[in-house]
């Protein structure tokens, strides 16, 4: 795996890997706020990793998802630098003709076996998750990976 960072202007950078680029910037007054911050991109990577797991598992079980959204909310240490994450909460929101038990199991598998980003981050910060199907909570848990994961 390889990635590089290229300075664009001020505190704006482009992260490049395999021919794809993602911009990042700092919030004002330090940066211009023209792109996501590195911490926001880390949360986006967590959402993307676990969403891909869940979507693949739901497709494998032929579940008819009409809408699927994953959000992550991180709390940070206040008044101390670096302002690291102290907890992360993930919400999986699925709409459609979906078996709630399968949706909850897909999220559990992602957060205990498959999501590499969650496996790495959960070593440093607790990650809790909740699954909603058609706006009803159908499961919740915490990311827990075996030591050899």
C-alpha atoms as a PDB file:
ATOM      1  CA  UNK A   1       0.000   0.000   0.000  1.00  0.00           C
ATOM      2  CA  UNK A   2       1.313   3.434  -0.890  1.00  0.00           C
ATOM      3  CA  UNK A   3       0.086   7.014  -0.559  1.00  0.00           C
ATOM      4  CA  UNK A   4       1.694  10.413  -0.962  1.00  0.00           C
ATOM      5  CA  UNK A   5       0.791  13.922   0.073  1.00  0.00           C
ATOM      6  CA  UNK A   6       1.298  16.919  -2.226  1.00  0.00           C
ATOM      7  CA  UNK A   7       1.204  20.499  -1.006  1.00  0.00           C
ATOM      8  CA  UNK A   8      -1.205  22.653  -3.023  1.00  0.00           C
ATOM      9  CA  UNK A   9      -1.371  26.039  -1.241  1.00  0.00           C
ATOM     10  CA  UNK A  10      -1.438  27.419   2.293  1.00  0.00           C
ATOM     11  CA  UNK A  11      -2.414  24.351   4.361  1.00  0.00           C
ATOM     12  CA  UNK A  12      -4.261  22.571   1.565  1.00  0.00           C
ATOM     13  CA  UNK A  13      -2.862  19.198   0.501  1.00  0.00           C
ATOM     14  CA  UNK A  14      -3.823  16.464  -1.929  1.00  0.00           C
ATOM     15  CA  UNK A  15      -3.442  12.876  -0.770  1.00  0.00           C
ATOM     16  CA  UNK A  16      -2.823  10.613  -3.759  1.00  0.00           C
ATOM     17  CA  UNK A  17      -2.913   6.834  -4.087  1.00  0.00           C
ATOM     18  CA  UNK A  18      -3.411   4.652  -7.146  1.00  0.00           C
ATOM     19  CA  UNK A  19      -4.203   7.644  -9.338  1.00  0.00           C
ATOM     20  CA  UNK A  20      -6.947   9.027  -7.073  1.00  0.00           C
ATOM     21  CA  UNK A  21      -6.713  12.253  -5.075  1.00  0.00           C
ATOM     22  CA  UNK A  22      -8.492  13.575  -2.007  1.00  0.00           C
ATOM     23  CA  UNK A  23      -8.063  17.154  -0.847  1.00  0.00           C
ATOM     24  CA  UNK A  24      -7.603  18.130   2.769  1.00  0.00           C
ATOM     25  CA  UNK A  25      -7.323  21.477   4.508  1.00  0.00           C
ATOM     26  CA  UNK A  26      -7.307  22.934   7.992  1.00  0.00           C
ATOM     27  CA  UNK A  27     -10.201  24.912   9.423  1.00  0.00           C
ATOM     28  CA  UNK A  28      -9.942  28.722   9.561  1.00  0.00           C
ATOM     29  CA  UNK A  29      -8.116  30.688  10.795  1.00  0.00           C
ATOM     30  CA  UNK A  30      -5.194  28.288  10.257  1.00  0.00           C
ATOM     31  CA  UNK A  31      -6.416  26.977   6.892  1.00  0.00           C
ATOM     32  CA  UNK A  32      -9.116  28.010   4.470  1.00  0.00           C
ATOM     33  CA  UNK A  33     -11.633  25.253   5.235  1.00  0.00           C
ATOM     34  CA  UNK A  34     -11.891  24.291   1.556  1.00  0.00           C
ATOM     35  CA  UNK A  35     -11.756  20.541   2.192  1.00  0.00           C
ATOM     36  CA  UNK A  36     -12.139  17.978   4.937  1.00  0.00           C
ATOM     37  CA  UNK A  37      -9.588  17.950   7.731  1.00  0.00           C
ATOM     38  CA  UNK A  38      -7.383  14.894   8.273  1.00  0.00           C
ATOM     39  CA  UNK A  39      -9.507  13.848  11.280  1.00  0.00           C
ATOM     40  CA  UNK A  40     -12.693  14.147   9.224  1.00  0.00           C
ATOM     41  CA  UNK A  41     -11.090  12.008   6.524  1.00  0.00           C
ATOM     42  CA  UNK A  42     -10.215   9.407   9.162  1.00  0.00           C
ATOM     43  CA  UNK A  43     -13.878   9.218  10.181  1.00  0.00           C
ATOM     44  CA  UNK A  44     -14.883   9.073   6.512  1.00  0.00           C
ATOM     45  CA  UNK A  45     -12.457   6.174   6.013  1.00  0.00           C
ATOM     46  CA  UNK A  46     -14.054   4.352   8.951  1.00  0.00           C
ATOM     47  CA  UNK A  47     -17.535   4.933   7.481  1.00  0.00           C
ATOM     48  CA  UNK A  48     -16.404   3.768   4.046  1.00  0.00           C
ATOM     49  CA  UNK A  49     -14.694   0.635   5.304  1.00  0.00           C
ATOM     50  CA  UNK A  50     -17.582  -0.582   7.438  1.00  0.00           C
ATOM     51  CA  UNK A  51     -20.221   0.478   4.867  1.00  0.00           C
ATOM     52  CA  UNK A  52     -18.533  -1.632   2.198  1.00  0.00           C
ATOM     53  CA  UNK A  53     -18.557  -4.647   4.517  1.00  0.00           C
ATOM     54  CA  UNK A  54     -22.223  -4.250   5.417  1.00  0.00           C
ATOM     55  CA  UNK A  55     -23.323  -3.551   1.831  1.00  0.00           C
ATOM     56  CA  UNK A  56     -21.442  -6.621   0.567  1.00  0.00           C
ATOM     57  CA  UNK A  57     -23.003  -8.836   3.241  1.00  0.00           C
ATOM     58  CA  UNK A  58     -26.480  -7.472   2.574  1.00  0.00           C
ATOM     59  CA  UNK A  59     -26.034  -8.061  -1.169  1.00  0.00           C
ATOM     60  CA  UNK A  60     -24.795 -11.605  -0.469  1.00  0.00           C
ATOM     61  CA  UNK A  61     -28.042 -12.260   1.414  1.00  0.00           C
ATOM     62  CA  UNK A  62     -30.095 -10.583  -1.347  1.00  0.00           C
ATOM     63  CA  UNK A  63     -31.471  -7.873   0.895  1.00  0.00           C
ATOM     64  CA  UNK A  64     -33.318  -5.097  -0.958  1.00  0.00           C
ATOM     65  CA  UNK A  65     -31.722  -1.942   0.454  1.00  0.00           C
ATOM     66  CA  UNK A  66     -33.278   1.214  -0.992  1.00  0.00           C
ATOM     67  CA  UNK A  67     -31.135   3.598   1.038  1.00  0.00           C
ATOM     68  CA  UNK A  68     -28.020   3.059   3.148  1.00  0.00           C
ATOM     69  CA  UNK A  69     -26.140   5.641   5.176  1.00  0.00           C
ATOM     70  CA  UNK A  70     -23.332   5.320   7.699  1.00  0.00           C
ATOM     71  CA  UNK A  71     -22.397   8.202   9.969  1.00  0.00           C
ATOM     72  CA  UNK A  72     -19.653   8.476  12.549  1.00  0.00           C
ATOM     73  CA  UNK A  73     -19.469  10.994  15.364  1.00  0.00           C
ATOM     74  CA  UNK A  74     -16.250  11.356  17.337  1.00  0.00           C
ATOM     75  CA  UNK A  75     -15.731  13.096  20.641  1.00  0.00           C
ATOM     76  CA  UNK A  76     -12.314  14.601  21.204  1.00  0.00           C
ATOM     77  CA  UNK A  77     -10.190  15.445  24.185  1.00  0.00           C
ATOM     78  CA  UNK A  78     -10.801  19.124  24.971  1.00  0.00           C
ATOM     79  CA  UNK A  79      -8.243  21.718  26.039  1.00  0.00           C
ATOM     80  CA  UNK A  80      -5.250  19.416  25.505  1.00  0.00           C
ATOM     81  CA  UNK A  81      -3.094  18.876  22.456  1.00  0.00           C
ATOM     82  CA  UNK A  82      -3.201  16.744  20.513  1.00  0.00           C
ATOM     83  CA  UNK A  83      -7.014  16.717  20.532  1.00  0.00           C
ATOM     84  CA  UNK A  84      -7.373  12.977  19.955  1.00  0.00           C
ATOM     85  CA  UNK A  85     -10.612  11.032  19.654  1.00  0.00           C
ATOM     86  CA  UNK A  86     -11.923   9.711  22.971  1.00  0.00           C
ATOM     87  CA  UNK A  87     -14.929   7.800  21.559  1.00  0.00           C
ATOM     88  CA  UNK A  88     -16.544   7.108  18.202  1.00  0.00           C
ATOM     89  CA  UNK A  89     -20.221   6.341  17.624  1.00  0.00           C
ATOM     90  CA  UNK A  90     -21.297   4.823  14.299  1.00  0.00           C
ATOM     91  CA  UNK A  91     -24.901   4.717  13.062  1.00  0.00           C
ATOM     92  CA  UNK A  92     -25.940   2.387  10.238  1.00  0.00           C
ATOM     93  CA  UNK A  93     -29.246   3.528   8.691  1.00  0.00           C
ATOM     94  CA  UNK A  94     -30.853   1.151   6.213  1.00  0.00           C
ATOM     95  CA  UNK A  95     -34.192   1.514   4.454  1.00  0.00           C
ATOM     96  CA  UNK A  96     -35.992  -1.095   2.391  1.00  0.00           C
ATOM     97  CA  UNK A  97     -37.277  -4.649   2.526  1.00  0.00           C
ATOM     98  CA  UNK A  98     -34.481  -5.800   4.819  1.00  0.00           C
ATOM     99  CA  UNK A  99     -34.344  -8.490   7.500  1.00  0.00           C
ATOM    100  CA  UNK A 100     -33.415  -6.569  10.677  1.00  0.00           C
ATOM    101  CA  UNK A 101     -31.513  -9.562  12.098  1.00  0.00           C
ATOM    102  CA  UNK A 102     -29.357  -9.771   8.967  1.00  0.00           C
ATOM    103  CA  UNK A 103     -28.633  -6.037   9.098  1.00  0.00           C
ATOM    104  CA  UNK A 104     -27.587  -6.242  12.758  1.00  0.00           C
ATOM    105  CA  UNK A 105     -25.429  -9.310  12.048  1.00  0.00           C
ATOM    106  CA  UNK A 106     -23.748  -7.621   9.070  1.00  0.00           C
ATOM    107  CA  UNK A 107     -22.770  -4.642  11.242  1.00  0.00           C
ATOM    108  CA  UNK A 108     -21.565  -6.945  14.025  1.00  0.00           C
ATOM    109  CA  UNK A 109     -19.384  -8.903  11.603  1.00  0.00           C
ATOM    110  CA  UNK A 110     -17.940  -5.708  10.190  1.00  0.00           C
ATOM    111  CA  UNK A 111     -17.118  -4.436  13.680  1.00  0.00           C
ATOM    112  CA  UNK A 112     -15.649  -7.710  14.963  1.00  0.00           C
ATOM    113  CA  UNK A 113     -14.031  -9.394  11.916  1.00  0.00           C
ATOM    114  CA  UNK A 114     -13.832  -7.437   8.681  1.00  0.00           C
ATOM    115  CA  UNK A 115     -13.326  -3.654   8.934  1.00  0.00           C
ATOM    116  CA  UNK A 116      -9.577  -3.019   9.047  1.00  0.00           C
ATOM    117  CA  UNK A 117     -10.021   0.677   9.840  1.00  0.00           C
ATOM    118  CA  UNK A 118     -12.229  -0.149  12.816  1.00  0.00           C
ATOM    119  CA  UNK A 119      -9.775  -2.840  13.949  1.00  0.00           C
ATOM    120  CA  UNK A 120      -6.945  -0.293  13.950  1.00  0.00           C
ATOM    121  CA  UNK A 121      -8.858   2.575  15.543  1.00  0.00           C
ATOM    122  CA  UNK A 122     -10.465   0.381  18.215  1.00  0.00           C
ATOM    123  CA  UNK A 123      -6.985  -0.265  19.601  1.00  0.00           C
ATOM    124  CA  UNK A 124      -6.879   3.393  20.647  1.00  0.00           C
ATOM    125  CA  UNK A 125     -10.500   4.475  21.168  1.00  0.00           C
ATOM    126  CA  UNK A 126     -13.812   2.741  21.914  1.00  0.00           C
ATOM    127  CA  UNK A 127     -16.075   2.432  18.874  1.00  0.00           C
ATOM    128  CA  UNK A 128     -19.775   1.897  19.545  1.00  0.00           C
ATOM    129  CA  UNK A 129     -22.347   1.224  16.847  1.00  0.00           C
ATOM    130  CA  UNK A 130     -26.100   1.100  16.391  1.00  0.00           C
ATOM    131  CA  UNK A 131     -28.106  -0.296  13.471  1.00  0.00           C
ATOM    132  CA  UNK A 132     -31.410   1.168  12.312  1.00  0.00           C
ATOM    133  CA  UNK A 133     -33.715  -0.475   9.765  1.00  0.00           C
ATOM    134  CA  UNK A 134     -36.542   1.727   8.553  1.00  0.00           C
ATOM    135  CA  UNK A 135     -35.864   4.092  11.484  1.00  0.00           C
ATOM    136  CA  UNK A 136     -36.132   1.343  14.130  1.00  0.00           C
ATOM    137  CA  UNK A 137     -33.096   0.396  16.233  1.00  0.00           C
ATOM    138  CA  UNK A 138     -32.387  -3.304  15.603  1.00  0.00           C
ATOM    139  CA  UNK A 139     -28.977  -3.786  17.180  1.00  0.00           C
ATOM    140  CA  UNK A 140     -26.012  -2.181  18.858  1.00  0.00           C
ATOM    141  CA  UNK A 141     -22.580  -3.127  20.077  1.00  0.00           C
ATOM    142  CA  UNK A 142     -18.949  -2.194  20.325  1.00  0.00           C
ATOM    143  CA  UNK A 143     -16.072  -2.921  17.967  1.00  0.00           C
ATOM    144  CA  UNK A 144     -14.083  -5.822  19.377  1.00  0.00           C
ATOM    145  CA  UNK A 145     -11.458  -7.647  17.359  1.00  0.00           C
ATOM    146  CA  UNK A 146      -9.464 -10.717  18.336  1.00  0.00           C
ATOM    147  CA  UNK A 147      -5.867  -9.913  19.373  1.00  0.00           C
ATOM    148  CA  UNK A 148      -4.465 -11.533  16.219  1.00  0.00           C
ATOM    149  CA  UNK A 149      -6.741  -9.443  13.923  1.00  0.00           C
END
